[in-house]
Amino acid sequence: MFFPVPPPPRLAEGTLSLHPWQPDLATALVEAVHESVASVGRWLPWCHADYGPAEADAWIAQCGDGWAAGGHFAFAIIEETTGTLLGGTGLNRIDRVNRNANLGYWVRQSRQGQGIAARAAGLATRFGFGQLGLVRIEIVIQPDNQPSLRIAEKLGARFEAVARQRICLHGQARDAAVYGLIPADLARVPAA
């Protein structure tokens, strides 16, 4: 069945865990964003040099509202051994009728290239299929965003199309690569 669910206490793989965003993460979020403007900001316009506490607080509040309404399931990626905020992942654009959603992910610049995004996105995907009852998850990516394309492929997602003017980035309509992921695709991917 597909119903709103309360936040899980913890989704984890090794020392990596996902937690619903909480107010005590606001300062760490601002720090991670500032560190990542050059890499993440290129693809995600909310990641900019002027990002401040008010934006972090608003995002975290929006995430709480999304969980409560069952329409947006956003997670902070935490390194359990140090408590460091590594980035974020989550499911949004929930379509209850067709039981599908969009998957997003980002990792702070100093921790990119370590497999964190793929592991975290895998946890979020398994949550979507297992706990939310989704039957399809889409990943929509700028065609030249090679790191995100590789993560989609590591998850077992299949490239389906380049959709014309599918996303807006920095005020411009842009084409986007669309990858689809269904539960059977996860079985093809070896565990990390």
C-alpha atoms as a PDB file:
ATOM      1  CA  MET A   1       0.000   0.000   0.000  1.00  0.00           C
ATOM      2  CA  PHE A   2       1.074   3.575  -0.529  1.00  0.00           C
ATOM      3  CA  PHE A   3       0.481   5.867   2.444  1.00  0.00           C
ATOM      4  CA  PRO A   4       2.380   8.669   4.168  1.00  0.00           C
ATOM      5  CA  VAL A   5       4.833   7.149   6.589  1.00  0.00           C
ATOM      6  CA  PRO A   6       6.511   8.545   9.680  1.00  0.00           C
ATOM      7  CA  PRO A   7      10.225   9.247   9.390  1.00  0.00           C
ATOM      8  CA  PRO A   8      12.255   6.078   9.802  1.00  0.00           C
ATOM      9  CA  PRO A   9      14.531   6.111  12.807  1.00  0.00           C
ATOM     10  CA  ARG A  10      17.562   5.284  10.657  1.00  0.00           C
ATOM     11  CA  LEU A  11      18.456   3.911   7.245  1.00  0.00           C
ATOM     12  CA  ALA A  12      22.049   2.749   7.238  1.00  0.00           C
ATOM     13  CA  GLU A  13      24.766   1.000   5.298  1.00  0.00           C
ATOM     14  CA  GLY A  14      28.097   0.649   7.065  1.00  0.00           C
ATOM     15  CA  THR A  15      29.027   4.007   8.585  1.00  0.00           C
ATOM     16  CA  LEU A  16      26.633   5.912   6.307  1.00  0.00           C
ATOM     17  CA  SER A  17      23.127   6.717   7.524  1.00  0.00           C
ATOM     18  CA  LEU A  18      20.146   8.691   6.298  1.00  0.00           C
ATOM     19  CA  HIS A  19      18.037  10.790   8.647  1.00  0.00           C
ATOM     20  CA  PRO A  20      15.098  13.058   7.928  1.00  0.00           C
ATOM     21  CA  TRP A  21      16.329  16.658   8.046  1.00  0.00           C
ATOM     22  CA  GLN A  22      16.140  18.185  11.536  1.00  0.00           C
ATOM     23  CA  PRO A  23      16.619  21.797  12.738  1.00  0.00           C
ATOM     24  CA  ASP A  24      19.918  20.958  14.444  1.00  0.00           C
ATOM     25  CA  LEU A  25      21.448  20.306  10.996  1.00  0.00           C
ATOM     26  CA  ALA A  26      20.914  23.867   9.712  1.00  0.00           C
ATOM     27  CA  THR A  27      24.421  25.151  10.499  1.00  0.00           C
ATOM     28  CA  ALA A  28      26.063  22.062   9.010  1.00  0.00           C
ATOM     29  CA  LEU A  29      23.890  22.448   5.898  1.00  0.00           C
ATOM     30  CA  VAL A  30      25.023  26.048   5.396  1.00  0.00           C
ATOM     31  CA  GLU A  31      28.666  24.964   5.766  1.00  0.00           C
ATOM     32  CA  ALA A  32      28.246  22.067   3.296  1.00  0.00           C
ATOM     33  CA  VAL A  33      26.554  24.334   0.756  1.00  0.00           C
ATOM     34  CA  HIS A  34      29.268  26.998   0.990  1.00  0.00           C
ATOM     35  CA  GLU A  35      31.938  24.353   0.511  1.00  0.00           C
ATOM     36  CA  SER A  36      30.143  22.947  -2.550  1.00  0.00           C
ATOM     37  CA  VAL A  37      29.160  25.987  -4.620  1.00  0.00           C
ATOM     38  CA  ALA A  38      31.758  25.258  -7.327  1.00  0.00           C
ATOM     39  CA  SER A  39      30.648  21.662  -7.898  1.00  0.00           C
ATOM     40  CA  VAL A  40      27.049  21.220  -6.689  1.00  0.00           C
ATOM     41  CA  GLY A  41      26.004  24.781  -7.551  1.00  0.00           C
ATOM     42  CA  ARG A  42      26.711  24.160 -11.197  1.00  0.00           C
ATOM     43  CA  TRP A  43      23.826  21.667 -11.306  1.00  0.00           C
ATOM     44  CA  LEU A  44      21.553  22.725  -8.435  1.00  0.00           C
ATOM     45  CA  PRO A  45      20.759  26.453  -8.325  1.00  0.00           C
ATOM     46  CA  TRP A  46      19.789  26.450  -4.646  1.00  0.00           C
ATOM     47  CA  CYS A  47      23.482  25.812  -3.893  1.00  0.00           C
ATOM     48  CA  HIS A  48      24.895  29.340  -4.111  1.00  0.00           C
ATOM     49  CA  ALA A  49      27.468  31.478  -2.287  1.00  0.00           C
ATOM     50  CA  ASP A  50      24.819  33.535  -0.454  1.00  0.00           C
ATOM     51  CA  TYR A  51      23.013  30.497   0.975  1.00  0.00           C
ATOM     52  CA  GLY A  52      22.348  31.313   4.616  1.00  0.00           C
ATOM     53  CA  PRO A  53      20.659  30.162   7.811  1.00  0.00           C
ATOM     54  CA  ALA A  54      17.202  31.392   6.753  1.00  0.00           C
ATOM     55  CA  GLU A  55      17.324  29.228   3.598  1.00  0.00           C
ATOM     56  CA  ALA A  56      18.560  26.233   5.572  1.00  0.00           C
ATOM     57  CA  ASP A  57      15.795  26.668   8.158  1.00  0.00           C
ATOM     58  CA  ALA A  58      13.161  27.034   5.414  1.00  0.00           C
ATOM     59  CA  TRP A  59      14.429  23.905   3.624  1.00  0.00           C
ATOM     60  CA  ILE A  60      14.386  21.845   6.808  1.00  0.00           C
ATOM     61  CA  ALA A  61      10.860  23.053   7.632  1.00  0.00           C
ATOM     62  CA  GLN A  62       9.732  22.210   4.084  1.00  0.00           C
ATOM     63  CA  CYS A  63      11.202  18.736   4.492  1.00  0.00           C
ATOM     64  CA  GLY A  64       9.290  18.221   7.738  1.00  0.00           C
ATOM     65  CA  ASP A  65       6.080  19.302   6.024  1.00  0.00           C
ATOM     66  CA  GLY A  66       6.833  16.924   3.148  1.00  0.00           C
ATOM     67  CA  TRP A  67       7.222  13.980   5.508  1.00  0.00           C
ATOM     68  CA  ALA A  68       4.005  14.876   7.330  1.00  0.00           C
ATOM     69  CA  ALA A  69       2.046  15.122   4.066  1.00  0.00           C
ATOM     70  CA  GLY A  70       3.684  12.042   2.547  1.00  0.00           C
ATOM     71  CA  GLY A  71       4.757  13.970  -0.520  1.00  0.00           C
ATOM     72  CA  HIS A  72       8.498  14.574  -0.116  1.00  0.00           C
ATOM     73  CA  PHE A  73      10.923  12.269   1.660  1.00  0.00           C
ATOM     74  CA  ALA A  74      14.237  14.097   2.038  1.00  0.00           C
ATOM     75  CA  PHE A  75      17.190  12.720   3.972  1.00  0.00           C
ATOM     76  CA  ALA A  76      20.394  14.178   5.339  1.00  0.00           C
ATOM     77  CA  ILE A  77      23.363  11.900   4.618  1.00  0.00           C
ATOM     78  CA  ILE A  78      25.370  11.494   7.831  1.00  0.00           C
ATOM     79  CA  GLU A  79      28.697   9.831   8.509  1.00  0.00           C
ATOM     80  CA  GLU A  80      27.933   7.929  11.697  1.00  0.00           C
ATOM     81  CA  THR A  81      31.489   7.779  13.048  1.00  0.00           C
ATOM     82  CA  THR A  82      31.983  11.557  12.977  1.00  0.00           C
ATOM     83  CA  GLY A  83      28.447  12.975  12.775  1.00  0.00           C
ATOM     84  CA  THR A  84      29.485  14.880   9.640  1.00  0.00           C
ATOM     85  CA  LEU A  85      26.791  16.013   7.227  1.00  0.00           C
ATOM     86  CA  LEU A  86      27.863  14.593   3.860  1.00  0.00           C
ATOM     87  CA  GLY A  87      24.974  15.778   1.672  1.00  0.00           C
ATOM     88  CA  GLY A  88      21.382  14.934   0.929  1.00  0.00           C
ATOM     89  CA  THR A  89      19.167  12.556  -0.999  1.00  0.00           C
ATOM     90  CA  GLY A  90      15.477  11.977  -1.266  1.00  0.00           C
ATOM     91  CA  LEU A  91      12.325  11.230  -3.167  1.00  0.00           C
ATOM     92  CA  ASN A  92      10.075  14.005  -4.410  1.00  0.00           C
ATOM     93  CA  ARG A  93       7.391  14.618  -7.031  1.00  0.00           C
ATOM     94  CA  ILE A  94       5.485  11.698  -5.575  1.00  0.00           C
ATOM     95  CA  ASP A  95       2.765  10.494  -7.954  1.00  0.00           C
ATOM     96  CA  ARG A  96       0.394   8.445  -5.807  1.00  0.00           C
ATOM     97  CA  VAL A  97      -1.789   7.306  -8.693  1.00  0.00           C
ATOM     98  CA  ASN A  98       1.072   5.849 -10.736  1.00  0.00           C
ATOM     99  CA  ARG A  99       3.237   5.050  -7.689  1.00  0.00           C
ATOM    100  CA  ASN A 100       6.367   6.777  -8.904  1.00  0.00           C
ATOM    101  CA  ALA A 101       8.722   9.506  -7.732  1.00  0.00           C
ATOM    102  CA  ASN A 102      11.853  11.459  -8.603  1.00  0.00           C
ATOM    103  CA  LEU A 103      15.191  10.709  -6.895  1.00  0.00           C
ATOM    104  CA  GLY A 104      17.731  13.421  -6.162  1.00  0.00           C
ATOM    105  CA  TYR A 105      21.142  13.414  -4.475  1.00  0.00           C
ATOM    106  CA  TRP A 106      24.137  15.635  -3.752  1.00  0.00           C
ATOM    107  CA  VAL A 107      27.358  15.276  -1.759  1.00  0.00           C
ATOM    108  CA  ARG A 108      29.522  18.025  -0.288  1.00  0.00           C
ATOM    109  CA  GLN A 109      32.572  18.802  -2.382  1.00  0.00           C
ATOM    110  CA  SER A 110      35.228  17.475   0.014  1.00  0.00           C
ATOM    111  CA  ARG A 111      33.590  14.038   0.031  1.00  0.00           C
ATOM    112  CA  GLN A 112      32.740  13.615  -3.643  1.00  0.00           C
ATOM    113  CA  GLY A 113      34.162  10.656  -5.545  1.00  0.00           C
ATOM    114  CA  GLN A 114      33.959   8.285  -2.562  1.00  0.00           C
ATOM    115  CA  GLY A 115      30.796   6.368  -3.508  1.00  0.00           C
ATOM    116  CA  ILE A 116      28.679   8.214  -0.947  1.00  0.00           C
ATOM    117  CA  ALA A 117      25.991   9.430  -3.366  1.00  0.00           C
ATOM    118  CA  ALA A 118      25.451   5.977  -4.869  1.00  0.00           C
ATOM    119  CA  ARG A 119      25.206   4.319  -1.448  1.00  0.00           C
ATOM    120  CA  ALA A 120      22.856   6.981  -0.072  1.00  0.00           C
ATOM    121  CA  ALA A 121      20.687   7.044  -3.198  1.00  0.00           C
ATOM    122  CA  GLY A 122      20.512   3.244  -3.031  1.00  0.00           C
ATOM    123  CA  LEU A 123      19.183   3.448   0.534  1.00  0.00           C
ATOM    124  CA  ALA A 124      16.609   6.058  -0.491  1.00  0.00           C
ATOM    125  CA  THR A 125      15.580   3.940  -3.476  1.00  0.00           C
ATOM    126  CA  ARG A 126      15.095   0.820  -1.355  1.00  0.00           C
ATOM    127  CA  PHE A 127      13.041   2.922   1.079  1.00  0.00           C
ATOM    128  CA  GLY A 128      10.873   4.104  -1.833  1.00  0.00           C
ATOM    129  CA  PHE A 129      10.250   0.651  -3.210  1.00  0.00           C
ATOM    130  CA  GLY A 130      10.022  -1.149   0.125  1.00  0.00           C
ATOM    131  CA  GLN A 131       8.273   1.284   2.471  1.00  0.00           C
ATOM    132  CA  LEU A 132       6.411   3.595   0.109  1.00  0.00           C
ATOM    133  CA  GLY A 133       5.298   0.967  -2.378  1.00  0.00           C
ATOM    134  CA  LEU A 134       6.693   2.792  -5.411  1.00  0.00           C
ATOM    135  CA  VAL A 135       6.962   0.881  -8.678  1.00  0.00           C
ATOM    136  CA  ARG A 136       9.127   3.398 -10.547  1.00  0.00           C
ATOM    137  CA  ILE A 137      11.708   6.011  -9.638  1.00  0.00           C
ATOM    138  CA  GLU A 138      13.048   8.532 -12.138  1.00  0.00           C
ATOM    139  CA  ILE A 139      16.362  10.324 -12.059  1.00  0.00           C
ATOM    140  CA  VAL A 140      16.395  13.477 -14.188  1.00  0.00           C
ATOM    141  CA  ILE A 141      19.879  14.829 -14.922  1.00  0.00           C
ATOM    142  CA  GLN A 142      21.565  17.434 -17.122  1.00  0.00           C
ATOM    143  CA  PRO A 143      23.147  15.395 -19.950  1.00  0.00           C
ATOM    144  CA  ASP A 144      26.617  16.830 -19.241  1.00  0.00           C
ATOM    145  CA  ASN A 145      26.491  16.125 -15.482  1.00  0.00           C
ATOM    146  CA  GLN A 146      28.784  13.111 -15.755  1.00  0.00           C
ATOM    147  CA  PRO A 147      29.077  12.391 -11.994  1.00  0.00           C
ATOM    148  CA  SER A 148      25.288  12.157 -11.597  1.00  0.00           C
ATOM    149  CA  LEU A 149      24.939  10.072 -14.738  1.00  0.00           C
ATOM    150  CA  ARG A 150      27.480   7.576 -13.339  1.00  0.00           C
ATOM    151  CA  ILE A 151      25.577   7.373 -10.053  1.00  0.00           C
ATOM    152  CA  ALA A 152      22.309   6.629 -11.867  1.00  0.00           C
ATOM    153  CA  GLU A 153      24.054   3.833 -13.757  1.00  0.00           C
ATOM    154  CA  LYS A 154      25.637   2.442 -10.563  1.00  0.00           C
ATOM    155  CA  LEU A 155      22.128   2.219  -9.098  1.00  0.00           C
ATOM    156  CA  GLY A 156      21.049   0.079 -12.045  1.00  0.00           C
ATOM    157  CA  ALA A 157      18.833   2.775 -13.573  1.00  0.00           C
ATOM    158  CA  ARG A 158      18.313   2.596 -17.315  1.00  0.00           C
ATOM    159  CA  PHE A 159      18.712   5.540 -19.634  1.00  0.00           C
ATOM    160  CA  GLU A 160      15.362   6.107 -21.333  1.00  0.00           C
ATOM    161  CA  ALA A 161      15.449   9.445 -23.151  1.00  0.00           C
ATOM    162  CA  VAL A 162      16.690  12.957 -23.415  1.00  0.00           C
ATOM    163  CA  ALA A 163      13.571  14.980 -22.646  1.00  0.00           C
ATOM    164  CA  ARG A 164      13.502  18.396 -24.286  1.00  0.00           C
ATOM    165  CA  GLN A 165      13.317  21.363 -21.904  1.00  0.00           C
ATOM    166  CA  ARG A 166      12.579  19.029 -18.982  1.00  0.00           C
ATOM    167  CA  ILE A 167      14.214  21.128 -16.261  1.00  0.00           C
ATOM    168  CA  CYS A 168      14.988  24.772 -15.538  1.00  0.00           C
ATOM    169  CA  LEU A 169      18.494  25.632 -14.408  1.00  0.00           C
ATOM    170  CA  HIS A 170      19.545  29.176 -13.594  1.00  0.00           C
ATOM    171  CA  GLY A 171      16.385  30.478 -15.266  1.00  0.00           C
ATOM    172  CA  GLN A 172      16.864  28.567 -18.521  1.00  0.00           C
ATOM    173  CA  ALA A 173      14.822  25.614 -19.800  1.00  0.00           C
ATOM    174  CA  ARG A 174      17.217  22.731 -20.427  1.00  0.00           C
ATOM    175  CA  ASP A 175      17.100  19.263 -21.855  1.00  0.00           C
ATOM    176  CA  ALA A 176      17.564  16.446 -19.360  1.00  0.00           C
ATOM    177  CA  ALA A 177      18.544  12.798 -19.441  1.00  0.00           C
ATOM    178  CA  VAL A 178      15.808  10.661 -17.898  1.00  0.00           C
ATOM    179  CA  TYR A 179      16.748   7.408 -16.199  1.00  0.00           C
ATOM    180  CA  GLY A 180      14.172   4.931 -14.930  1.00  0.00           C
ATOM    181  CA  LEU A 181      14.558   2.544 -12.035  1.00  0.00           C
ATOM    182  CA  ILE A 182      12.152  -0.251 -11.120  1.00  0.00           C
ATOM    183  CA  PRO A 183      12.474  -2.780  -8.276  1.00  0.00           C
ATOM    184  CA  ALA A 184      13.831  -5.503 -10.576  1.00  0.00           C
ATOM    185  CA  ASP A 185      16.747  -3.222 -11.512  1.00  0.00           C
ATOM    186  CA  LEU A 186      18.038  -3.291  -7.930  1.00  0.00           C
ATOM    187  CA  ALA A 187      18.476  -7.048  -8.102  1.00  0.00           C
ATOM    188  CA  ARG A 188      21.040  -6.550 -10.888  1.00  0.00           C
ATOM    189  CA  VAL A 189      23.267  -4.317  -8.769  1.00  0.00           C
ATOM    190  CA  PRO A 190      25.788  -5.951  -6.404  1.00  0.00           C
ATOM    191  CA  ALA A 191      25.644  -4.769  -2.782  1.00  0.00           C
ATOM    192  CA  ALA A 192      28.249  -2.153  -1.881  1.00  0.00           C
END
